Amino acid sequence: MTLYEEKLKKIMKENNVPGEHLTFKESCHSVEDAAAASLTNPDEFVKNICMIDMQGHLIVAIVKGEDRASTSRVAAALGIEQPRLAIPAEILEKTGYPCGGTPSFGYAATFLMDPRVMEKEVVYSGGGSDHSLVKMTPKHMQEINHAAIMRVRK
């Protein structure tokens, strides 16, 4: 288990986050890899698309695994100038987790969840590393990260 995974598990325990942390030998970097490692359907996965606004603040758009996040929709939803996608070094700096394993909670950001995510009974998200996942209900995810529900997919 990596330090990132341990950090996330500690956050989950200390905050009574109702979810399950899963670690795999196989990579979970992409939705396809994660579905294969966890023996689940790719339709149950979400992606955390990290963006940076003009003031340098982190915005995380949570979309279903097959969807793409729209920077213009995020801008319109928040009433801001269009943010840009964060680069891997910024993701690590601002979330404390590496790209490919970034969880949907546990750090300071403005979280936006696409309504399609809320349609699922359970979802899998980054678990702190590219070999781990968190399984939880979308409702619990939204409660822990205080996300606004709005369309952010293309």
Protein backbone atom coordinates (compact mmCIF):
# COMPACT_ATOMS: atom_id res chain seq x y z
CA MET A 1 0.00 0.00 0.00
CA THR A 2 1.34 3.42 -0.95
CA LEU A 3 1.50 6.45 1.32
CA TYR A 4 -1.26 8.02 -0.80
CA GLU A 5 -3.55 5.04 -0.23
CA GLU A 6 -2.81 5.07 3.51
CA LYS A 7 -3.54 8.81 3.63
CA LEU A 8 -6.92 8.31 1.93
CA LYS A 9 -7.86 5.37 4.15
CA LYS A 10 -7.04 7.51 7.20
CA ILE A 11 -9.26 10.33 5.89
CA MET A 12 -12.06 7.85 5.30
CA LYS A 13 -11.73 6.39 8.79
CA GLU A 14 -11.42 9.73 10.62
CA ASN A 15 -14.44 11.17 8.78
CA ASN A 16 -16.57 8.01 8.89
CA VAL A 17 -16.77 8.00 5.11
CA PRO A 18 -19.16 5.21 4.09
CA GLY A 19 -17.20 3.54 1.34
CA GLU A 20 -14.81 0.73 0.64
CA HIS A 21 -11.15 1.21 -0.25
CA LEU A 22 -9.90 -1.45 -2.67
CA THR A 23 -6.29 -2.18 -3.69
CA PHE A 24 -5.23 -4.22 -6.72
CA LYS A 25 -2.05 -5.65 -8.22
CA GLU A 26 -3.24 -4.47 -11.63
CA SER A 27 -3.29 -0.85 -12.76
CA CYS A 28 -6.50 1.15 -12.36
CA HIS A 29 -5.23 4.19 -14.23
CA SER A 30 -7.89 4.09 -16.96
CA VAL A 31 -11.56 3.19 -16.65
CA GLU A 32 -10.93 0.07 -18.73
CA ASP A 33 -8.00 -1.00 -16.53
CA ALA A 34 -9.99 -0.35 -13.36
CA ALA A 35 -13.00 -2.32 -14.60
CA ALA A 36 -10.78 -5.27 -15.51
CA ALA A 37 -8.93 -5.18 -12.16
CA SER A 38 -12.14 -4.94 -10.10
CA LEU A 39 -14.15 -7.33 -12.30
CA THR A 40 -16.92 -4.76 -12.65
CA ASN A 41 -18.69 -2.91 -15.44
CA PRO A 42 -16.99 0.23 -16.83
CA ASP A 43 -20.39 1.95 -16.49
CA GLU A 44 -19.89 2.05 -12.69
CA PHE A 45 -16.80 4.26 -12.80
CA VAL A 46 -16.38 8.00 -12.42
CA LYS A 47 -13.50 10.23 -13.40
CA ASN A 48 -12.29 13.25 -11.48
CA ILE A 49 -11.28 15.88 -14.02
CA CYS A 50 -9.11 18.49 -12.31
CA MET A 51 -9.23 22.07 -13.59
CA ILE A 52 -7.63 25.33 -12.51
CA ASP A 53 -9.49 28.64 -12.59
CA MET A 54 -7.92 32.04 -13.31
CA GLN A 55 -7.17 32.56 -9.60
CA GLY A 56 -5.40 29.20 -9.34
CA HIS A 57 -8.19 27.41 -7.45
CA LEU A 58 -8.87 23.75 -8.02
CA ILE A 59 -12.17 22.64 -9.55
CA VAL A 60 -13.00 18.94 -9.82
CA ALA A 61 -15.63 17.87 -12.35
CA ILE A 62 -16.85 14.36 -11.57
CA VAL A 63 -18.27 12.60 -14.61
CA LYS A 64 -19.09 9.02 -15.53
CA GLY A 65 -16.17 7.07 -16.93
CA GLU A 66 -17.35 7.21 -20.52
CA ASP A 67 -18.09 10.95 -20.41
CA ARG A 68 -15.81 13.92 -20.93
CA ALA A 69 -15.90 17.05 -18.81
CA SER A 70 -16.51 20.39 -20.49
CA THR A 71 -14.49 23.39 -19.31
CA SER A 72 -17.05 25.70 -20.93
CA ARG A 73 -19.94 24.04 -19.02
CA VAL A 74 -17.94 24.31 -15.78
CA ALA A 75 -17.33 28.00 -16.49
CA ALA A 76 -21.01 28.63 -17.19
CA ALA A 77 -22.11 26.67 -14.11
CA LEU A 78 -19.80 28.63 -11.81
CA GLY A 79 -20.10 31.99 -13.59
CA ILE A 80 -16.34 32.21 -14.15
CA GLU A 81 -13.91 32.44 -17.05
CA GLN A 82 -13.19 29.10 -18.65
CA PRO A 83 -10.80 27.06 -16.48
CA ARG A 84 -7.97 25.00 -17.92
CA LEU A 85 -7.16 21.38 -17.33
CA ALA A 86 -4.62 20.82 -14.57
CA ILE A 87 -1.32 19.14 -15.41
CA PRO A 88 -0.17 16.11 -13.38
CA ALA A 89 2.22 18.14 -11.20
CA GLU A 90 -0.61 20.55 -10.28
CA ILE A 91 -2.95 17.67 -9.51
CA LEU A 92 -0.43 16.20 -7.08
CA GLU A 93 0.29 19.60 -5.52
CA LYS A 94 -3.36 20.65 -5.10
CA THR A 95 -4.95 17.30 -4.19
CA GLY A 96 -2.07 15.49 -2.54
CA TYR A 97 -2.68 12.53 -4.87
CA PRO A 98 -1.13 11.52 -8.19
CA CYS A 99 -2.94 11.77 -11.50
CA GLY A 100 -4.64 8.45 -12.20
CA GLY A 101 -5.45 7.81 -8.56
CA THR A 102 -7.07 11.08 -7.52
CA PRO A 103 -10.06 10.43 -5.25
CA SER A 104 -13.35 12.32 -5.39
CA PHE A 105 -12.91 13.81 -1.89
CA GLY A 106 -10.36 14.47 0.83
CA TYR A 107 -8.83 17.78 -0.27
CA ALA A 108 -9.84 21.41 -0.82
CA ALA A 109 -11.58 22.04 -4.15
CA THR A 110 -14.85 23.10 -5.71
CA PHE A 111 -16.51 19.81 -6.60
CA LEU A 112 -19.13 19.52 -9.34
CA MET A 113 -20.90 16.22 -10.01
CA ASP A 114 -22.67 15.54 -13.27
CA PRO A 115 -26.29 14.39 -12.79
CA ARG A 116 -25.58 11.16 -14.68
CA VAL A 117 -23.27 10.12 -11.82
CA MET A 118 -26.20 10.41 -9.41
CA GLU A 119 -28.19 7.88 -11.45
CA LYS A 120 -25.93 5.02 -10.34
CA GLU A 121 -26.48 2.96 -7.20
CA VAL A 122 -22.75 2.67 -6.58
CA VAL A 123 -19.65 4.11 -8.25
CA TYR A 124 -15.93 3.49 -8.23
CA SER A 125 -13.50 6.39 -8.06
CA GLY A 126 -9.76 6.91 -7.63
CA GLY A 127 -8.39 5.38 -4.45
CA GLY A 128 -5.22 7.42 -3.98
CA SER A 129 -2.97 5.55 -6.42
CA ASP A 130 -3.21 3.98 -9.85
CA HIS A 131 -3.67 0.59 -8.15
CA SER A 132 -6.59 1.44 -5.86
CA LEU A 133 -10.23 2.49 -5.97
CA VAL A 134 -12.95 3.69 -3.63
CA LYS A 135 -16.40 2.15 -3.94
CA MET A 136 -19.34 4.19 -2.58
CA THR A 137 -22.76 5.53 -3.39
CA PRO A 138 -22.91 8.77 -5.38
CA LYS A 139 -25.02 10.29 -2.59
CA HIS A 140 -22.29 9.64 -0.02
CA MET A 141 -19.67 10.96 -2.44
CA GLN A 142 -21.64 14.16 -2.89
CA GLU A 143 -22.12 14.55 0.86
CA ILE A 144 -18.43 14.12 1.69
CA ASN A 145 -17.15 16.51 -1.00
CA HIS A 146 -20.09 18.98 -0.79
CA ALA A 147 -20.46 18.85 -4.57
CA ALA A 148 -22.96 20.84 -6.54
CA ILE A 149 -24.96 18.70 -8.94
CA MET A 150 -24.88 20.22 -12.41
CA ARG A 151 -24.21 19.16 -15.95
CA VAL A 152 -20.49 19.33 -16.59
CA ARG A 153 -20.18 16.64 -19.28
CA LYS A 154 -19.76 17.48 -22.94
